[in-house]
Amino acid sequence: MDRRLMQMTTKDFLETAYLTSDRIGRVRIKAYLPPSRSDLIFKFVFPRTVAEKPVVAPEDKHLTFTWRFDSVVTVTFKIKNLMYKGRLEY
């Protein structure tokens, strides 16, 4: 585990970790939960709504997560793959 991740805060990721949707645009993280010595998992927490609009909606085609750290990580999620029994589940 990169020790820097244990020392960083939400503020450190405001411009480098975000979601992008065609409908909403760029969505900043709400919180960063760093790893600990006993739990090596770190988490980015994003809001479910922006300006009272859902960040992800069934009519969206995809949602992209981008994280710039030492390199750029980009993951695109197809919204249709997040549907379960006709409902958006994430």
PDB file of N, CA and C in Angstrom:
ATOM      1  N   MET A   1       0.847  -1.178   0.000  1.00  0.00           N
ATOM      2  CA  MET A   1       0.000   0.000   0.000  1.00  0.00           C
ATOM      3  C   MET A   1       0.891   1.240   0.000  1.00  0.00           C
ATOM      4  N   ASP A   2       0.563   2.181  -0.826  1.00  0.00           N
ATOM      5  CA  ASP A   2       1.292   3.445  -0.906  1.00  0.00           C
ATOM      6  C   ASP A   2       1.011   4.252   0.366  1.00  0.00           C
ATOM      7  N   ARG A   3       2.033   4.557   1.114  1.00  0.00           N
ATOM      8  CA  ARG A   3       1.868   5.293   2.379  1.00  0.00           C
ATOM      9  C   ARG A   3       1.210   6.655   2.191  1.00  0.00           C
ATOM     10  N   ARG A   4       1.406   7.238   1.025  1.00  0.00           N
ATOM     11  CA  ARG A   4       0.792   8.550   0.773  1.00  0.00           C
ATOM     12  C   ARG A   4      -0.725   8.480   0.912  1.00  0.00           C
ATOM     13  N   LEU A   5      -1.311   7.361   0.508  1.00  0.00           N
ATOM     14  CA  LEU A   5      -2.769   7.226   0.589  1.00  0.00           C
ATOM     15  C   LEU A   5      -3.266   7.252   2.028  1.00  0.00           C
ATOM     16  N   MET A   6      -2.438   6.826   2.966  1.00  0.00           N
ATOM     17  CA  MET A   6      -2.812   6.844   4.383  1.00  0.00           C
ATOM     18  C   MET A   6      -2.804   8.259   4.956  1.00  0.00           C
ATOM     19  N   GLN A   7      -2.036   9.143   4.350  1.00  0.00           N
ATOM     20  CA  GLN A   7      -1.875  10.491   4.877  1.00  0.00           C
ATOM     21  C   GLN A   7      -2.743  11.525   4.175  1.00  0.00           C
ATOM     22  N   MET A   8      -3.319  11.155   3.050  1.00  0.00           N
ATOM     23  CA  MET A   8      -4.083  12.122   2.262  1.00  0.00           C
ATOM     24  C   MET A   8      -5.488  12.314   2.829  1.00  0.00           C
ATOM     25  N   THR A   9      -6.100  13.438   2.452  1.00  0.00           N
ATOM     26  CA  THR A   9      -7.438  13.780   2.926  1.00  0.00           C
ATOM     27  C   THR A   9      -8.356  14.034   1.730  1.00  0.00           C
ATOM     28  N   THR A  10      -9.611  14.247   2.005  1.00  0.00           N
ATOM     29  CA  THR A  10     -10.584  14.556   0.952  1.00  0.00           C
ATOM     30  C   THR A  10     -10.108  15.729   0.105  1.00  0.00           C
ATOM     31  N   LYS A  11      -9.597  16.751   0.744  1.00  0.00           N
ATOM     32  CA  LYS A  11      -9.147  17.951   0.031  1.00  0.00           C
ATOM     33  C   LYS A  11      -8.105  17.623  -1.040  1.00  0.00           C
ATOM     34  N   ASP A  12      -7.245  16.650  -0.765  1.00  0.00           N
ATOM     35  CA  ASP A  12      -6.202  16.271  -1.718  1.00  0.00           C
ATOM     36  C   ASP A  12      -6.767  15.684  -3.013  1.00  0.00           C
ATOM     37  N   PHE A  13      -7.992  15.183  -2.966  1.00  0.00           N
ATOM     38  CA  PHE A  13      -8.570  14.509  -4.130  1.00  0.00           C
ATOM     39  C   PHE A  13      -9.687  15.293  -4.815  1.00  0.00           C
ATOM     40  N   LEU A  14      -9.981  16.481  -4.363  1.00  0.00           N
ATOM     41  CA  LEU A  14     -11.109  17.233  -4.929  1.00  0.00           C
ATOM     42  C   LEU A  14     -10.991  17.468  -6.433  1.00  0.00           C
ATOM     43  N   GLU A  15      -9.795  17.627  -6.937  1.00  0.00           N
ATOM     44  CA  GLU A  15      -9.609  17.878  -8.372  1.00  0.00           C
ATOM     45  C   GLU A  15      -9.108  16.658  -9.136  1.00  0.00           C
ATOM     46  N   THR A  16      -8.783  15.589  -8.423  1.00  0.00           N
ATOM     47  CA  THR A  16      -8.156  14.451  -9.101  1.00  0.00           C
ATOM     48  C   THR A  16      -8.968  13.164  -9.067  1.00  0.00           C
ATOM     49  N   ALA A  17     -10.066  13.129  -8.327  1.00  0.00           N
ATOM     50  CA  ALA A  17     -10.938  11.950  -8.294  1.00  0.00           C
ATOM     51  C   ALA A  17     -12.366  12.434  -8.485  1.00  0.00           C
ATOM     52  N   TYR A  18     -13.002  11.990  -9.565  1.00  0.00           N
ATOM     53  CA  TYR A  18     -14.343  12.496  -9.857  1.00  0.00           C
ATOM     54  C   TYR A  18     -15.113  11.536 -10.754  1.00  0.00           C
ATOM     55  N   LEU A  19     -16.416  11.716 -10.755  1.00  0.00           N
ATOM     56  CA  LEU A  19     -17.309  11.022 -11.674  1.00  0.00           C
ATOM     57  C   LEU A  19     -17.689  11.998 -12.770  1.00  0.00           C
ATOM     58  N   THR A  20     -18.001  11.475 -13.945  1.00  0.00           N
ATOM     59  CA  THR A  20     -18.482  12.316 -15.035  1.00  0.00           C
ATOM     60  C   THR A  20     -19.692  11.648 -15.667  1.00  0.00           C
ATOM     61  N   SER A  21     -20.765  12.424 -15.801  1.00  0.00           N
ATOM     62  CA  SER A  21     -21.943  11.928 -16.517  1.00  0.00           C
ATOM     63  C   SER A  21     -22.310  12.947 -17.584  1.00  0.00           C
ATOM     64  N   ASP A  22     -22.909  12.470 -18.668  1.00  0.00           N
ATOM     65  CA  ASP A  22     -23.316  13.380 -19.743  1.00  0.00           C
ATOM     66  C   ASP A  22     -24.356  14.377 -19.245  1.00  0.00           C
ATOM     67  N   ARG A  23     -25.203  13.950 -18.339  1.00  0.00           N
ATOM     68  CA  ARG A  23     -26.301  14.783 -17.870  1.00  0.00           C
ATOM     69  C   ARG A  23     -25.864  15.791 -16.808  1.00  0.00           C
ATOM     70  N   ILE A  24     -25.010  15.394 -15.885  1.00  0.00           N
ATOM     71  CA  ILE A  24     -24.617  16.237 -14.743  1.00  0.00           C
ATOM     72  C   ILE A  24     -23.264  16.910 -14.965  1.00  0.00           C
ATOM     73  N   GLY A  25     -22.369  16.259 -15.696  1.00  0.00           N
ATOM     74  CA  GLY A  25     -21.008  16.766 -15.834  1.00  0.00           C
ATOM     75  C   GLY A  25     -20.120  16.166 -14.758  1.00  0.00           C
ATOM     76  N   ARG A  26     -19.121  16.916 -14.323  1.00  0.00           N
ATOM     77  CA  ARG A  26     -18.166  16.425 -13.330  1.00  0.00           C
ATOM     78  C   ARG A  26     -18.750  16.509 -11.923  1.00  0.00           C
ATOM     79  N   VAL A  27     -18.577  15.420 -11.175  1.00  0.00           N
ATOM     80  CA  VAL A  27     -19.060  15.337  -9.791  1.00  0.00           C
ATOM     81  C   VAL A  27     -17.857  15.089  -8.894  1.00  0.00           C
ATOM     82  N   ARG A  28     -17.591  16.023  -7.984  1.00  0.00           N
ATOM     83  CA  ARG A  28     -16.462  15.897  -7.054  1.00  0.00           C
ATOM     84  C   ARG A  28     -16.767  14.890  -5.948  1.00  0.00           C
ATOM     85  N   ILE A  29     -15.707  14.365  -5.359  1.00  0.00           N
ATOM     86  CA  ILE A  29     -15.901  13.450  -4.239  1.00  0.00           C
ATOM     87  C   ILE A  29     -16.493  14.201  -3.049  1.00  0.00           C
ATOM     88  N   LYS A  30     -17.224  13.467  -2.250  1.00  0.00           N
ATOM     89  CA  LYS A  30     -17.810  14.007  -1.021  1.00  0.00           C
ATOM     90  C   LYS A  30     -16.864  13.731   0.156  1.00  0.00           C
ATOM     91  N   ALA A  31     -16.209  12.568   0.097  1.00  0.00           N
ATOM     92  CA  ALA A  31     -15.294  12.194   1.178  1.00  0.00           C
ATOM     93  C   ALA A  31     -14.286  11.169   0.674  1.00  0.00           C
ATOM     94  N   TYR A  32     -13.136  11.176   1.309  1.00  0.00           N
ATOM     95  CA  TYR A  32     -12.110  10.169   1.070  1.00  0.00           C
ATOM     96  C   TYR A  32     -11.869   9.470   2.393  1.00  0.00           C
ATOM     97  N   LEU A  33     -11.949   8.146   2.390  1.00  0.00           N
ATOM     98  CA  LEU A  33     -11.707   7.350   3.590  1.00  0.00           C
ATOM     99  C   LEU A  33     -10.401   6.591   3.381  1.00  0.00           C
ATOM    100  N   PRO A  34      -9.330   7.025   4.055  1.00  0.00           N
ATOM    101  CA  PRO A  34      -8.013   6.426   3.814  1.00  0.00           C
ATOM    102  C   PRO A  34      -7.905   5.012   4.388  1.00  0.00           C
ATOM    103  N   PRO A  35      -6.933   4.248   3.886  1.00  0.00           N
ATOM    104  CA  PRO A  35      -6.687   2.927   4.462  1.00  0.00           C
ATOM    105  C   PRO A  35      -6.042   3.079   5.834  1.00  0.00           C
ATOM    106  N   SER A  36      -6.072   2.005   6.580  1.00  0.00           N
ATOM    107  CA  SER A  36      -5.396   1.987   7.881  1.00  0.00           C
ATOM    108  C   SER A  36      -4.447   0.789   7.890  1.00  0.00           C
ATOM    109  N   ARG A  37      -3.714   0.637   8.943  1.00  0.00           N
ATOM    110  CA  ARG A  37      -2.795  -0.504   9.023  1.00  0.00           C
ATOM    111  C   ARG A  37      -3.549  -1.826   9.080  1.00  0.00           C
ATOM    112  N   SER A  38      -4.744  -1.806   9.656  1.00  0.00           N
ATOM    113  CA  SER A  38      -5.520  -3.047   9.764  1.00  0.00           C
ATOM    114  C   SER A  38      -6.468  -3.266   8.583  1.00  0.00           C
ATOM    115  N   ASP A  39      -6.783  -2.204   7.848  1.00  0.00           N
ATOM    116  CA  ASP A  39      -7.694  -2.302   6.703  1.00  0.00           C
ATOM    117  C   ASP A  39      -7.066  -1.542   5.539  1.00  0.00           C
ATOM    118  N   LEU A  40      -6.561  -2.252   4.559  1.00  0.00           N
ATOM    119  CA  LEU A  40      -5.816  -1.630   3.468  1.00  0.00           C
ATOM    120  C   LEU A  40      -6.705  -1.075   2.360  1.00  0.00           C
ATOM    121  N   ILE A  41      -7.999  -1.098   2.563  1.00  0.00           N
ATOM    122  CA  ILE A  41      -8.927  -0.586   1.551  1.00  0.00           C
ATOM    123  C   ILE A  41      -9.164   0.903   1.775  1.00  0.00           C
ATOM    124  N   PHE A  42      -9.088   1.677   0.698  1.00  0.00           N
ATOM    125  CA  PHE A  42      -9.459   3.089   0.772  1.00  0.00           C
ATOM    126  C   PHE A  42     -10.707   3.286  -0.068  1.00  0.00           C
ATOM    127  N   LYS A  43     -11.466   4.334   0.242  1.00  0.00           N
ATOM    128  CA  LYS A  43     -12.738   4.554  -0.440  1.00  0.00           C
ATOM    129  C   LYS A  43     -12.904   6.007  -0.837  1.00  0.00           C
ATOM    130  N   PHE A  44     -13.488   6.199  -2.013  1.00  0.00           N
ATOM    131  CA  PHE A  44     -13.951   7.510  -2.444  1.00  0.00           C
ATOM    132  C   PHE A  44     -15.466   7.490  -2.295  1.00  0.00           C
ATOM    133  N   VAL A  45     -16.012   8.501  -1.658  1.00  0.00           N
ATOM    134  CA  VAL A  45     -17.461   8.596  -1.464  1.00  0.00           C
ATOM    135  C   VAL A  45     -17.965   9.758  -2.308  1.00  0.00           C
ATOM    136  N   PHE A  46     -18.986   9.493  -3.101  1.00  0.00           N
ATOM    137  CA  PHE A  46     -19.570  10.517  -3.974  1.00  0.00           C
ATOM    138  C   PHE A  46     -21.005  10.797  -3.552  1.00  0.00           C
ATOM    139  N   PRO A  47     -21.474  12.020  -3.772  1.00  0.00           N
ATOM    140  CA  PRO A  47     -22.874  12.324  -3.448  1.00  0.00           C
ATOM    141  C   PRO A  47     -23.805  11.572  -4.396  1.00  0.00           C
ATOM    142  N   ARG A  48     -25.001  11.282  -3.932  1.00  0.00           N
ATOM    143  CA  ARG A  48     -26.009  10.643  -4.788  1.00  0.00           C
ATOM    144  C   ARG A  48     -26.776  11.674  -5.606  1.00  0.00           C
ATOM    145  N   THR A  49     -26.772  12.925  -5.148  1.00  0.00           N
ATOM    146  CA  THR A  49     -27.455  13.993  -5.884  1.00  0.00           C
ATOM    147  C   THR A  49     -26.550  15.218  -5.975  1.00  0.00           C
ATOM    148  N   VAL A  50     -26.769  16.002  -7.031  1.00  0.00           N
ATOM    149  CA  VAL A  50     -26.102  17.293  -7.214  1.00  0.00           C
ATOM    150  C   VAL A  50     -27.185  18.258  -7.667  1.00  0.00           C
ATOM    151  N   ALA A  51     -27.337  19.362  -6.944  1.00  0.00           N
ATOM    152  CA  ALA A  51     -28.379  20.350  -7.249  1.00  0.00           C
ATOM    153  C   ALA A  51     -29.748  19.671  -7.344  1.00  0.00           C
ATOM    154  N   GLU A  52     -29.997  18.768  -6.411  1.00  0.00           N
ATOM    155  CA  GLU A  52     -31.267  18.036  -6.303  1.00  0.00           C
ATOM    156  C   GLU A  52     -31.556  17.112  -7.484  1.00  0.00           C
ATOM    157  N   LYS A  53     -30.538  16.824  -8.296  1.00  0.00           N
ATOM    158  CA  LYS A  53     -30.681  15.878  -9.404  1.00  0.00           C
ATOM    159  C   LYS A  53     -29.850  14.642  -9.078  1.00  0.00           C
ATOM    160  N   PRO A  54     -30.368  13.450  -9.364  1.00  0.00           N
ATOM    161  CA  PRO A  54     -29.564  12.251  -9.107  1.00  0.00           C
ATOM    162  C   PRO A  54     -28.323  12.221  -9.996  1.00  0.00           C
ATOM    163  N   VAL A  55     -27.220  11.813  -9.422  1.00  0.00           N
ATOM    164  CA  VAL A  55     -25.979  11.716 -10.189  1.00  0.00           C
ATOM    165  C   VAL A  55     -26.112  10.634 -11.262  1.00  0.00           C
ATOM    166  N   VAL A  56     -26.775   9.550 -10.917  1.00  0.00           N
ATOM    167  CA  VAL A  56     -26.999   8.452 -11.851  1.00  0.00           C
ATOM    168  C   VAL A  56     -28.502   8.258 -12.002  1.00  0.00           C
ATOM    169  N   ALA A  57     -28.964   8.201 -13.237  1.00  0.00           N
ATOM    170  CA  ALA A  57     -30.385   7.995 -13.515  1.00  0.00           C
ATOM    171  C   ALA A  57     -30.530   6.889 -14.558  1.00  0.00           C
ATOM    172  N   PRO A  58     -31.660   6.175 -14.545  1.00  0.00           N
ATOM    173  CA  PRO A  58     -31.854   5.072 -15.492  1.00  0.00           C
ATOM    174  C   PRO A  58     -31.694   5.476 -16.955  1.00  0.00           C
ATOM    175  N   GLU A  59     -31.982   6.718 -17.285  1.00  0.00           N
ATOM    176  CA  GLU A  59     -31.868   7.144 -18.689  1.00  0.00           C
ATOM    177  C   GLU A  59     -30.428   7.427 -19.125  1.00  0.00           C
ATOM    178  N   ASP A  60     -29.501   7.476 -18.182  1.00  0.00           N
ATOM    179  CA  ASP A  60     -28.093   7.684 -18.527  1.00  0.00           C
ATOM    180  C   ASP A  60     -27.543   6.445 -19.232  1.00  0.00           C
ATOM    181  N   LYS A  61     -26.603   6.660 -20.124  1.00  0.00           N
ATOM    182  CA  LYS A  61     -25.972   5.540 -20.837  1.00  0.00           C
ATOM    183  C   LYS A  61     -24.765   4.993 -20.067  1.00  0.00           C
ATOM    184  N   HIS A  62     -23.985   5.910 -19.474  1.00  0.00           N
ATOM    185  CA  HIS A  62     -22.802   5.481 -18.744  1.00  0.00           C
ATOM    186  C   HIS A  62     -22.388   6.533 -17.712  1.00  0.00           C
ATOM    187  N   LEU A  63     -21.503   6.112 -16.825  1.00  0.00           N
ATOM    188  CA  LEU A  63     -20.927   6.973 -15.797  1.00  0.00           C
ATOM    189  C   LEU A  63     -19.438   6.644 -15.761  1.00  0.00           C
ATOM    190  N   THR A  64     -18.599   7.667 -15.750  1.00  0.00           N
ATOM    191  CA  THR A  64     -17.154   7.444 -15.783  1.00  0.00           C
ATOM    192  C   THR A  64     -16.514   7.926 -14.491  1.00  0.00           C
ATOM    193  N   PHE A  65     -15.677   7.072 -13.916  1.00  0.00           N
ATOM    194  CA  PHE A  65     -14.870   7.413 -12.748  1.00  0.00           C
ATOM    195  C   PHE A  65     -13.458   7.693 -13.237  1.00  0.00           C
ATOM    196  N   THR A  66     -12.884   8.817 -12.801  1.00  0.00           N
ATOM    197  CA  THR A  66     -11.507   9.173 -13.152  1.00  0.00           C
ATOM    198  C   THR A  66     -10.741   9.484 -11.874  1.00  0.00           C
ATOM    199  N   TRP A  67      -9.522   8.964 -11.805  1.00  0.00           N
ATOM    200  CA  TRP A  67      -8.645   9.230 -10.667  1.00  0.00           C
ATOM    201  C   TRP A  67      -7.237   9.442 -11.203  1.00  0.00           C
ATOM    202  N   ARG A  68      -6.700  10.617 -10.936  1.00  0.00           N
ATOM    203  CA  ARG A  68      -5.316  10.930 -11.302  1.00  0.00           C
ATOM    204  C   ARG A  68      -4.467  10.873 -10.033  1.00  0.00           C
ATOM    205  N   PHE A  69      -3.538   9.950  -9.995  1.00  0.00           N
ATOM    206  CA  PHE A  69      -2.624   9.851  -8.857  1.00  0.00           C
ATOM    207  C   PHE A  69      -1.218   9.824  -9.440  1.00  0.00           C
ATOM    208  N   ASP A  70      -0.584   8.678  -9.560  1.00  0.00           N
ATOM    209  CA  ASP A  70       0.699   8.605 -10.273  1.00  0.00           C
ATOM    210  C   ASP A  70       0.460   8.426 -11.770  1.00  0.00           C
ATOM    211  N   SER A  71      -0.665   7.874 -12.099  1.00  0.00           N
ATOM    212  CA  SER A  71      -1.107   7.739 -13.485  1.00  0.00           C
ATOM    213  C   SER A  71      -2.611   8.014 -13.487  1.00  0.00           C
ATOM    214  N   VAL A  72      -3.234   7.884 -14.630  1.00  0.00           N
ATOM    215  CA  VAL A  72      -4.670   8.155 -14.720  1.00  0.00           C
ATOM    216  C   VAL A  72      -5.417   6.828 -14.797  1.00  0.00           C
ATOM    217  N   VAL A  73      -6.392   6.673 -13.910  1.00  0.00           N
ATOM    218  CA  VAL A  73      -7.275   5.506 -13.920  1.00  0.00           C
ATOM    219  C   VAL A  73      -8.639   5.993 -14.381  1.00  0.00           C
ATOM    220  N   THR A  74      -9.167   5.359 -15.409  1.00  0.00           N
ATOM    221  CA  THR A  74     -10.492   5.715 -15.908  1.00  0.00           C
ATOM    222  C   THR A  74     -11.307   4.434 -16.040  1.00  0.00           C
ATOM    223  N   VAL A  75     -12.480   4.419 -15.414  1.00  0.00           N
ATOM    224  CA  VAL A  75     -13.375   3.268 -15.489  1.00  0.00           C
ATOM    225  C   VAL A  75     -14.746   3.777 -15.893  1.00  0.00           C
ATOM    226  N   THR A  76     -15.308   3.181 -16.938  1.00  0.00           N
ATOM    227  CA  THR A  76     -16.637   3.576 -17.387  1.00  0.00           C
ATOM    228  C   THR A  76     -17.623   2.462 -17.065  1.00  0.00           C
ATOM    229  N   PHE A  77     -18.707   2.836 -16.389  1.00  0.00           N
ATOM    230  CA  PHE A  77     -19.764   1.898 -16.017  1.00  0.00           C
ATOM    231  C   PHE A  77     -20.949   2.096 -16.950  1.00  0.00           C
ATOM    232  N   LYS A  78     -21.433   1.024 -17.536  1.00  0.00           N
ATOM    233  CA  LYS A  78     -22.647   1.090 -18.341  1.00  0.00           C
ATOM    234  C   LYS A  78     -23.835   1.027 -17.391  1.00  0.00           C
ATOM    235  N   ILE A  79     -24.695   2.017 -17.462  1.00  0.00           N
ATOM    236  CA  ILE A  79     -25.829   2.096 -16.538  1.00  0.00           C
ATOM    237  C   ILE A  79     -26.736   0.886 -16.688  1.00  0.00           C
ATOM    238  N   LYS A  80     -26.916   0.384 -17.894  1.00  0.00           N
ATOM    239  CA  LYS A  80     -27.781  -0.786 -18.079  1.00  0.00           C
ATOM    240  C   LYS A  80     -27.267  -1.989 -17.285  1.00  0.00           C
ATOM    241  N   ASN A  81     -25.955  -2.035 -17.004  1.00  0.00           N
ATOM    242  CA  ASN A  81     -25.398  -3.121 -16.197  1.00  0.00           C
ATOM    243  C   ASN A  81     -25.596  -2.899 -14.700  1.00  0.00           C
ATOM    244  N   LEU A  82     -26.048  -1.721 -14.315  1.00  0.00           N
ATOM    245  CA  LEU A  82     -26.321  -1.416 -12.907  1.00  0.00           C
ATOM    246  C   LEU A  82     -27.803  -1.578 -12.575  1.00  0.00           C
ATOM    247  N   MET A  83     -28.570  -2.045 -13.542  1.00  0.00           N
ATOM    248  CA  MET A  83     -30.008  -2.226 -13.351  1.00  0.00           C
ATOM    249  C   MET A  83     -30.280  -3.647 -12.837  1.00  0.00           C
ATOM    250  N   TYR A  84     -31.222  -3.758 -11.890  1.00  0.00           N
ATOM    251  CA  TYR A  84     -31.654  -5.050 -11.363  1.00  0.00           C
ATOM    252  C   TYR A  84     -33.160  -4.999 -11.204  1.00  0.00           C
ATOM    253  N   LYS A  85     -33.836  -5.890 -11.907  1.00  0.00           N
ATOM    254  CA  LYS A  85     -35.303  -5.936 -11.882  1.00  0.00           C
ATOM    255  C   LYS A  85     -35.910  -4.569 -12.190  1.00  0.00           C
ATOM    256  N   GLY A  86     -35.319  -3.890 -13.179  1.00  0.00           N
ATOM    257  CA  GLY A  86     -35.845  -2.606 -13.623  1.00  0.00           C
ATOM    258  C   GLY A  86     -35.478  -1.411 -12.758  1.00  0.00           C
ATOM    259  N   ARG A  87     -34.690  -1.645 -11.713  1.00  0.00           N
ATOM    260  CA  ARG A  87     -34.286  -0.553 -10.814  1.00  0.00           C
ATOM    261  C   ARG A  87     -32.780  -0.369 -10.860  1.00  0.00           C
ATOM    262  N   LEU A  88     -32.369   0.857 -10.706  1.00  0.00           N
ATOM    263  CA  LEU A  88     -30.952   1.187 -10.662  1.00  0.00           C
ATOM    264  C   LEU A  88     -30.410   0.808  -9.289  1.00  0.00           C
ATOM    265  N   GLU A  89     -29.400  -0.049  -9.255  1.00  0.00           N
ATOM    266  CA  GLU A  89     -28.796  -0.510  -8.001  1.00  0.00           C
ATOM    267  C   GLU A  89     -27.303  -0.239  -8.043  1.00  0.00           C
ATOM    268  N   TYR A  90     -26.837   0.563  -7.108  1.00  0.00           N
ATOM    269  CA  TYR A  90     -25.398   0.840  -7.024  1.00  0.00           C
ATOM    270  C   TYR A  90     -25.016   1.204  -5.623  1.00  0.00           C
TER     271      TYR A  90
END
